[in-house]
Amino acid sequence: MEKPTSQTQDLAEVDRSADEATGRARFDVETGFVTDADSLPASYFRSKFFVGSFCALGTGLVAGTGAFGYPAPVLSYINQDIGPDPNYIWISYVYNTCLAVTLPVLGQLSDIFGRRYFFVGGAVLGIMGSIVCSRAQSIPVLIGGNVLLGLASATQLSYHYVLGELVPTKHRYKAVGTLYMCSYAGSGFSPVIASAFLLRYPSVGWRGLYYLLLAFNTLSCMLGGP
């Protein structure tokens, strides 16, 4: 491996000073990104900043996975209620399409413009999409609402970008595992939750799934906001 030149080291020192001033992860020219756990205050993991940001990522991940997982098991019931429309399968398709378009560029754009704006903006889109879907009276409107949810989910499923800057490397595996468990509520248990709304709360029905997403997106926005 080629040793860094003195000019490279000088530039790295400037970047390191800027990173320390802004709170970003430090970059080392030989070993790459370094999050120094020893430099963190003892109360860091109990601070409002960390707890709020971590919980915002968790609730956002529930909303991001639930945007697809909650309605998927009951699409036929939704189509019976506000359809019938042969295009109802696009309720799920647009979610995946939006993810495919947005995910490849999200990381680079958030590097340039800042993580917070994208992730809080994603939560706002999730709120808007949840409201549109919960009040939809036709399949096309529901599809449009899921476009917003799909765009929001692209930021919510990219939680690892933020996690890498919040948690030191030595503790990161525990943080990833904890956050990953949040996805169970929006994926693994989604058929149970969807069925419960239809069977136990028929007056609310499938719209209750989007009310639930609205709650998670709102909570994520409040916790992750300034």
C-alpha atoms as a PDB file:
ATOM      1  CA  MET A   1       0.000   0.000   0.000  1.00  0.00           C
ATOM      2  CA  GLU A   2       1.394   3.412  -0.937  1.00  0.00           C
ATOM      3  CA  LYS A   3       2.274   5.581   2.048  1.00  0.00           C
ATOM      4  CA  PRO A   4       0.460   8.912   2.269  1.00  0.00           C
ATOM      5  CA  THR A   5       2.471  11.934   1.198  1.00  0.00           C
ATOM      6  CA  SER A   6       3.046  14.922   3.450  1.00  0.00           C
ATOM      7  CA  GLN A   7       0.519  16.905   1.412  1.00  0.00           C
ATOM      8  CA  THR A   8      -2.083  14.175   1.900  1.00  0.00           C
ATOM      9  CA  GLN A   9      -1.365  14.133   5.620  1.00  0.00           C
ATOM     10  CA  ASP A  10      -1.742  17.918   5.817  1.00  0.00           C
ATOM     11  CA  LEU A  11      -5.098  17.736   4.032  1.00  0.00           C
ATOM     12  CA  ALA A  12      -6.177  14.913   6.305  1.00  0.00           C
ATOM     13  CA  GLU A  13      -5.269  17.039   9.327  1.00  0.00           C
ATOM     14  CA  VAL A  14      -7.444  19.866   8.020  1.00  0.00           C
ATOM     15  CA  ASP A  15     -10.320  17.439   7.414  1.00  0.00           C
ATOM     16  CA  ARG A  16      -9.844  15.959  10.873  1.00  0.00           C
ATOM     17  CA  SER A  17     -10.063  19.387  12.494  1.00  0.00           C
ATOM     18  CA  ALA A  18     -13.218  20.165  10.528  1.00  0.00           C
ATOM     19  CA  ASP A  19     -14.736  16.829  11.475  1.00  0.00           C
ATOM     20  CA  GLU A  20     -14.033  17.414  15.145  1.00  0.00           C
ATOM     21  CA  ALA A  21     -15.584  20.873  14.935  1.00  0.00           C
ATOM     22  CA  THR A  22     -18.749  19.623  13.236  1.00  0.00           C
ATOM     23  CA  GLY A  23     -19.086  16.351  15.110  1.00  0.00           C
ATOM     24  CA  ARG A  24     -18.656  14.150  12.042  1.00  0.00           C
ATOM     25  CA  ALA A  25     -16.867  10.816  12.070  1.00  0.00           C
ATOM     26  CA  ARG A  26     -13.082  11.216  11.891  1.00  0.00           C
ATOM     27  CA  PHE A  27     -11.184   9.986   8.824  1.00  0.00           C
ATOM     28  CA  ASP A  28      -7.729   8.476   9.005  1.00  0.00           C
ATOM     29  CA  VAL A  29      -5.678   8.254   5.787  1.00  0.00           C
ATOM     30  CA  GLU A  30      -4.284   4.832   6.730  1.00  0.00           C
ATOM     31  CA  THR A  31      -7.174   3.050   8.406  1.00  0.00           C
ATOM     32  CA  GLY A  32     -10.229   4.845   7.037  1.00  0.00           C
ATOM     33  CA  PHE A  33     -13.116   6.135   9.111  1.00  0.00           C
ATOM     34  CA  VAL A  34     -12.546   6.021  12.845  1.00  0.00           C
ATOM     35  CA  THR A  35     -15.105   6.576  15.569  1.00  0.00           C
ATOM     36  CA  ASP A  36     -13.127   6.942  18.779  1.00  0.00           C
ATOM     37  CA  ALA A  37     -15.180   5.543  21.649  1.00  0.00           C
ATOM     38  CA  ASP A  38     -12.633   6.778  24.186  1.00  0.00           C
ATOM     39  CA  SER A  39     -13.263  10.398  23.210  1.00  0.00           C
ATOM     40  CA  LEU A  40     -16.995  10.191  23.918  1.00  0.00           C
ATOM     41  CA  PRO A  41     -18.334  11.532  27.225  1.00  0.00           C
ATOM     42  CA  ALA A  42     -19.483   8.920  29.719  1.00  0.00           C
ATOM     43  CA  SER A  43     -23.102  10.043  29.402  1.00  0.00           C
ATOM     44  CA  TYR A  44     -23.162   9.994  25.586  1.00  0.00           C
ATOM     45  CA  PHE A  45     -25.403   6.935  25.258  1.00  0.00           C
ATOM     46  CA  ARG A  46     -27.854   8.446  27.762  1.00  0.00           C
ATOM     47  CA  SER A  47     -27.928  11.885  26.188  1.00  0.00           C
ATOM     48  CA  LYS A  48     -31.089  13.300  24.627  1.00  0.00           C
ATOM     49  CA  PHE A  49     -29.266  13.622  21.320  1.00  0.00           C
ATOM     50  CA  PHE A  50     -28.342   9.950  21.116  1.00  0.00           C
ATOM     51  CA  VAL A  51     -31.555   8.500  22.579  1.00  0.00           C
ATOM     52  CA  GLY A  52     -33.736  10.742  20.421  1.00  0.00           C
ATOM     53  CA  SER A  53     -31.802  10.011  17.236  1.00  0.00           C
ATOM     54  CA  PHE A  54     -31.659   6.277  17.912  1.00  0.00           C
ATOM     55  CA  CYS A  55     -35.393   6.064  18.655  1.00  0.00           C
ATOM     56  CA  ALA A  56     -36.116   8.139  15.543  1.00  0.00           C
ATOM     57  CA  LEU A  57     -34.224   5.574  13.469  1.00  0.00           C
ATOM     58  CA  GLY A  58     -36.115   2.713  15.129  1.00  0.00           C
ATOM     59  CA  THR A  59     -39.597   4.153  14.667  1.00  0.00           C
ATOM     60  CA  GLY A  60     -38.690   5.186  11.130  1.00  0.00           C
ATOM     61  CA  LEU A  61     -37.588   1.642  10.356  1.00  0.00           C
ATOM     62  CA  VAL A  62     -40.922   0.293  11.611  1.00  0.00           C
ATOM     63  CA  ALA A  63     -42.718   2.754   9.330  1.00  0.00           C
ATOM     64  CA  GLY A  64     -40.458   2.006   6.373  1.00  0.00           C
ATOM     65  CA  THR A  65     -40.972  -1.753   6.512  1.00  0.00           C
ATOM     66  CA  GLY A  66     -44.627  -1.441   7.490  1.00  0.00           C
ATOM     67  CA  ALA A  67     -45.433   0.730   4.477  1.00  0.00           C
ATOM     68  CA  PHE A  68     -45.081  -2.426   2.401  1.00  0.00           C
ATOM     69  CA  GLY A  69     -45.676  -5.129   5.005  1.00  0.00           C
ATOM     70  CA  TYR A  70     -48.961  -3.903   6.489  1.00  0.00           C
ATOM     71  CA  PRO A  71     -51.155  -3.570   3.367  1.00  0.00           C
ATOM     72  CA  ALA A  72     -49.581  -6.453   1.417  1.00  0.00           C
ATOM     73  CA  PRO A  73     -51.533  -9.279   3.158  1.00  0.00           C
ATOM     74  CA  VAL A  74     -54.887  -7.490   2.748  1.00  0.00           C
ATOM     75  CA  LEU A  75     -54.646  -5.993  -0.742  1.00  0.00           C
ATOM     76  CA  SER A  76     -57.622  -8.017  -1.961  1.00  0.00           C
ATOM     77  CA  TYR A  77     -59.788  -6.661   0.874  1.00  0.00           C
ATOM     78  CA  ILE A  78     -58.687  -3.120   0.097  1.00  0.00           C
ATOM     79  CA  ASN A  79     -59.588  -3.642  -3.557  1.00  0.00           C
ATOM     80  CA  GLN A  80     -63.031  -4.926  -2.587  1.00  0.00           C
ATOM     81  CA  ASP A  81     -63.624  -1.913  -0.367  1.00  0.00           C
ATOM     82  CA  ILE A  82     -62.623   0.972  -2.658  1.00  0.00           C
ATOM     83  CA  GLY A  83     -62.354  -0.844  -6.005  1.00  0.00           C
ATOM     84  CA  PRO A  84     -62.542  -3.040  -7.812  1.00  0.00           C
ATOM     85  CA  ASP A  85     -59.617  -1.872  -9.893  1.00  0.00           C
ATOM     86  CA  PRO A  86     -57.262  -4.214 -11.780  1.00  0.00           C
ATOM     87  CA  ASN A  87     -54.385  -1.843 -11.034  1.00  0.00           C
ATOM     88  CA  TYR A  88     -54.568  -2.438  -7.288  1.00  0.00           C
ATOM     89  CA  ILE A  89     -51.372  -4.511  -7.426  1.00  0.00           C
ATOM     90  CA  TRP A  90     -49.531  -1.243  -8.035  1.00  0.00           C
ATOM     91  CA  ILE A  91     -50.149  -0.385  -4.395  1.00  0.00           C
ATOM     92  CA  SER A  92     -47.174  -2.644  -3.682  1.00  0.00           C
ATOM     93  CA  TYR A  93     -45.335  -2.185  -6.967  1.00  0.00           C
ATOM     94  CA  VAL A  94     -44.867   1.577  -6.605  1.00  0.00           C
ATOM     95  CA  TYR A  95     -43.264   1.064  -3.198  1.00  0.00           C
ATOM     96  CA  ASN A  96     -40.554  -1.167  -4.661  1.00  0.00           C
ATOM     97  CA  THR A  97     -40.155   1.067  -7.702  1.00  0.00           C
ATOM     98  CA  CYS A  98     -39.570   4.146  -5.560  1.00  0.00           C
ATOM     99  CA  LEU A  99     -37.014   2.262  -3.484  1.00  0.00           C
ATOM    100  CA  ALA A 100     -35.180   1.073  -6.604  1.00  0.00           C
ATOM    101  CA  VAL A 101     -34.969   4.611  -7.971  1.00  0.00           C
ATOM    102  CA  THR A 102     -34.104   6.421  -4.737  1.00  0.00           C
ATOM    103  CA  LEU A 103     -31.826   4.118  -2.751  1.00  0.00           C
ATOM    104  CA  PRO A 104     -28.832   4.165  -5.159  1.00  0.00           C
ATOM    105  CA  VAL A 105     -28.471   7.958  -4.955  1.00  0.00           C
ATOM    106  CA  LEU A 106     -29.612   8.638  -1.407  1.00  0.00           C
ATOM    107  CA  GLY A 107     -26.277   7.973   0.261  1.00  0.00           C
ATOM    108  CA  GLN A 108     -24.311  10.305  -1.994  1.00  0.00           C
ATOM    109  CA  LEU A 109     -26.901  13.077  -1.795  1.00  0.00           C
ATOM    110  CA  SER A 110     -27.044  12.884   1.992  1.00  0.00           C
ATOM    111  CA  ASP A 111     -23.235  13.118   2.050  1.00  0.00           C
ATOM    112  CA  ILE A 112     -23.475  16.391   0.148  1.00  0.00           C
ATOM    113  CA  PHE A 113     -26.503  18.048   1.737  1.00  0.00           C
ATOM    114  CA  GLY A 114     -26.537  16.460   5.196  1.00  0.00           C
ATOM    115  CA  ARG A 115     -28.217  13.434   6.744  1.00  0.00           C
ATOM    116  CA  ARG A 116     -30.735  15.267   8.912  1.00  0.00           C
ATOM    117  CA  TYR A 117     -32.528  17.021   6.072  1.00  0.00           C
ATOM    118  CA  PHE A 118     -33.059  13.789   4.168  1.00  0.00           C
ATOM    119  CA  PHE A 119     -34.157  11.686   7.109  1.00  0.00           C
ATOM    120  CA  VAL A 120     -36.472  14.273   8.633  1.00  0.00           C
ATOM    121  CA  GLY A 121     -37.772  15.017   5.136  1.00  0.00           C
ATOM    122  CA  GLY A 122     -38.423  11.305   4.676  1.00  0.00           C
ATOM    123  CA  ALA A 123     -40.477  11.260   7.862  1.00  0.00           C
ATOM    124  CA  VAL A 124     -42.489  14.246   6.604  1.00  0.00           C
ATOM    125  CA  LEU A 125     -43.158  12.427   3.325  1.00  0.00           C
ATOM    126  CA  GLY A 126     -44.213   9.405   5.374  1.00  0.00           C
ATOM    127  CA  ILE A 127     -46.700  11.539   7.302  1.00  0.00           C
ATOM    128  CA  MET A 128     -48.142  12.933   4.087  1.00  0.00           C
ATOM    129  CA  GLY A 129     -48.336   9.505   2.469  1.00  0.00           C
ATOM    130  CA  SER A 130     -50.013   7.968   5.513  1.00  0.00           C
ATOM    131  CA  ILE A 131     -52.671  10.679   5.551  1.00  0.00           C
ATOM    132  CA  VAL A 132     -53.352  10.324   1.818  1.00  0.00           C
ATOM    133  CA  CYS A 133     -53.616   6.530   2.056  1.00  0.00           C
ATOM    134  CA  SER A 134     -55.791   6.546   5.172  1.00  0.00           C
ATOM    135  CA  ARG A 135     -58.328   8.859   3.493  1.00  0.00           C
ATOM    136  CA  ALA A 136     -58.184   7.323  -0.001  1.00  0.00           C
ATOM    137  CA  GLN A 137     -61.534   6.571  -1.633  1.00  0.00           C
ATOM    138  CA  SER A 138     -60.125   5.007  -4.799  1.00  0.00           C
ATOM    139  CA  ILE A 139     -57.256   2.757  -5.821  1.00  0.00           C
ATOM    140  CA  PRO A 140     -55.420   5.453  -7.868  1.00  0.00           C
ATOM    141  CA  VAL A 141     -55.352   7.776  -4.855  1.00  0.00           C
ATOM    142  CA  LEU A 142     -54.049   4.938  -2.690  1.00  0.00           C
ATOM    143  CA  ILE A 143     -51.338   4.234  -5.260  1.00  0.00           C
ATOM    144  CA  GLY A 144     -50.351   7.907  -5.197  1.00  0.00           C
ATOM    145  CA  GLY A 145     -50.115   7.829  -1.414  1.00  0.00           C
ATOM    146  CA  ASN A 146     -47.860   4.795  -1.607  1.00  0.00           C
ATOM    147  CA  VAL A 147     -45.529   6.698  -3.927  1.00  0.00           C
ATOM    148  CA  LEU A 148     -44.948   9.096  -1.031  1.00  0.00           C
ATOM    149  CA  LEU A 149     -44.510   6.197   1.383  1.00  0.00           C
ATOM    150  CA  GLY A 150     -42.030   4.524  -0.959  1.00  0.00           C
ATOM    151  CA  LEU A 151     -39.923   7.676  -1.190  1.00  0.00           C
ATOM    152  CA  ALA A 152     -40.063   8.054   2.582  1.00  0.00           C
ATOM    153  CA  SER A 153     -39.068   4.436   3.113  1.00  0.00           C
ATOM    154  CA  ALA A 154     -35.900   4.923   1.073  1.00  0.00           C
ATOM    155  CA  THR A 155     -34.562   7.173   3.825  1.00  0.00           C
ATOM    156  CA  GLN A 156     -35.977   5.075   6.654  1.00  0.00           C
ATOM    157  CA  LEU A 157     -34.422   1.841   5.391  1.00  0.00           C
ATOM    158  CA  SER A 158     -31.050   3.592   5.053  1.00  0.00           C
ATOM    159  CA  TYR A 159     -30.659   3.887   8.812  1.00  0.00           C
ATOM    160  CA  HIS A 160     -27.121   2.443   8.686  1.00  0.00           C
ATOM    161  CA  TYR A 161     -25.805   5.685   7.167  1.00  0.00           C
ATOM    162  CA  VAL A 162     -26.727   7.569  10.318  1.00  0.00           C
ATOM    163  CA  LEU A 163     -25.949   4.717  12.671  1.00  0.00           C
ATOM    164  CA  GLY A 164     -22.345   4.686  11.491  1.00  0.00           C
ATOM    165  CA  GLU A 165     -21.972   8.269  12.680  1.00  0.00           C
ATOM    166  CA  LEU A 166     -23.851   7.825  15.953  1.00  0.00           C
ATOM    167  CA  VAL A 167     -22.272   4.674  17.341  1.00  0.00           C
ATOM    168  CA  PRO A 168     -18.569   3.820  17.755  1.00  0.00           C
ATOM    169  CA  THR A 169     -17.343   0.808  15.821  1.00  0.00           C
ATOM    170  CA  LYS A 170     -16.884  -1.386  18.896  1.00  0.00           C
ATOM    171  CA  HIS A 171     -20.585  -1.014  19.830  1.00  0.00           C
ATOM    172  CA  ARG A 172     -22.054  -0.889  16.342  1.00  0.00           C
ATOM    173  CA  TYR A 173     -23.020  -4.560  16.077  1.00  0.00           C
ATOM    174  CA  LYS A 174     -25.266  -4.217  19.126  1.00  0.00           C
ATOM    175  CA  ALA A 175     -26.884  -1.078  17.732  1.00  0.00           C
ATOM    176  CA  VAL A 176     -27.494  -2.716  14.346  1.00  0.00           C
ATOM    177  CA  GLY A 177     -29.046  -5.765  16.006  1.00  0.00           C
ATOM    178  CA  THR A 178     -31.286  -3.620  18.189  1.00  0.00           C
ATOM    179  CA  LEU A 179     -32.505  -1.557  15.255  1.00  0.00           C
ATOM    180  CA  TYR A 180     -33.000  -4.613  13.083  1.00  0.00           C
ATOM    181  CA  MET A 181     -35.429  -5.973  15.663  1.00  0.00           C
ATOM    182  CA  CYS A 182     -37.552  -2.878  15.077  1.00  0.00           C
ATOM    183  CA  SER A 183     -38.206  -4.115  11.553  1.00  0.00           C
ATOM    184  CA  TYR A 184     -40.055  -7.147  12.950  1.00  0.00           C
ATOM    185  CA  ALA A 185     -43.032  -4.945  13.813  1.00  0.00           C
ATOM    186  CA  GLY A 186     -43.307  -3.850  10.183  1.00  0.00           C
ATOM    187  CA  SER A 187     -42.409  -7.101   8.458  1.00  0.00           C
ATOM    188  CA  GLY A 188     -42.533 -10.329  10.471  1.00  0.00           C
ATOM    189  CA  PHE A 189     -45.658  -9.432  12.437  1.00  0.00           C
ATOM    190  CA  SER A 190     -47.368  -7.478   9.658  1.00  0.00           C
ATOM    191  CA  PRO A 191     -49.844 -10.257   8.677  1.00  0.00           C
ATOM    192  CA  VAL A 192     -50.967 -10.559  12.297  1.00  0.00           C
ATOM    193  CA  ILE A 193     -51.352  -6.803  12.676  1.00  0.00           C
ATOM    194  CA  ALA A 194     -53.199  -6.444   9.364  1.00  0.00           C
ATOM    195  CA  SER A 195     -55.570  -9.295  10.208  1.00  0.00           C
ATOM    196  CA  ALA A 196     -56.209  -7.872  13.669  1.00  0.00           C
ATOM    197  CA  PHE A 197     -57.453  -4.588  12.234  1.00  0.00           C
ATOM    198  CA  LEU A 198     -59.808  -6.373   9.827  1.00  0.00           C
ATOM    199  CA  LEU A 199     -61.165  -8.921  12.298  1.00  0.00           C
ATOM    200  CA  ARG A 200     -61.148  -7.095  15.627  1.00  0.00           C
ATOM    201  CA  TYR A 201     -61.708  -3.521  14.482  1.00  0.00           C
ATOM    202  CA  PRO A 202     -63.911  -3.789  11.380  1.00  0.00           C
ATOM    203  CA  SER A 203     -65.159  -0.223  11.810  1.00  0.00           C
ATOM    204  CA  VAL A 204     -61.597   0.975  11.224  1.00  0.00           C
ATOM    205  CA  GLY A 205     -60.540  -1.820   8.874  1.00  0.00           C
ATOM    206  CA  TRP A 206     -57.480  -1.554   6.658  1.00  0.00           C
ATOM    207  CA  ARG A 207     -57.324   2.212   7.137  1.00  0.00           C
ATOM    208  CA  GLY A 208     -56.120   1.549  10.660  1.00  0.00           C
ATOM    209  CA  LEU A 209     -52.868   0.261   9.172  1.00  0.00           C
ATOM    210  CA  TYR A 210     -52.159   3.686   7.724  1.00  0.00           C
ATOM    211  CA  TYR A 211     -53.194   5.376  10.975  1.00  0.00           C
ATOM    212  CA  LEU A 212     -50.548   3.220  12.628  1.00  0.00           C
ATOM    213  CA  LEU A 213     -47.988   4.261  10.013  1.00  0.00           C
ATOM    214  CA  LEU A 214     -48.984   7.876  10.608  1.00  0.00           C
ATOM    215  CA  ALA A 215     -48.213   7.477  14.306  1.00  0.00           C
ATOM    216  CA  PHE A 216     -44.792   5.933  13.664  1.00  0.00           C
ATOM    217  CA  ASN A 217     -43.851   8.527  11.047  1.00  0.00           C
ATOM    218  CA  THR A 218     -44.960  11.394  13.269  1.00  0.00           C
ATOM    219  CA  LEU A 219     -43.000  10.029  16.216  1.00  0.00           C
ATOM    220  CA  SER A 220     -39.916   9.558  14.044  1.00  0.00           C
ATOM    221  CA  CYS A 221     -40.186  13.119  12.757  1.00  0.00           C
ATOM    222  CA  MET A 222     -40.573  14.560  16.258  1.00  0.00           C
ATOM    223  CA  LEU A 223     -37.637  12.586  17.659  1.00  0.00           C
ATOM    224  CA  GLY A 224     -35.343  13.270  14.729  1.00  0.00           C
ATOM    225  CA  GLY A 225     -36.220  16.914  14.222  1.00  0.00           C
ATOM    226  CA  PRO A 226     -34.163  19.852  15.480  1.00  0.00           C
END
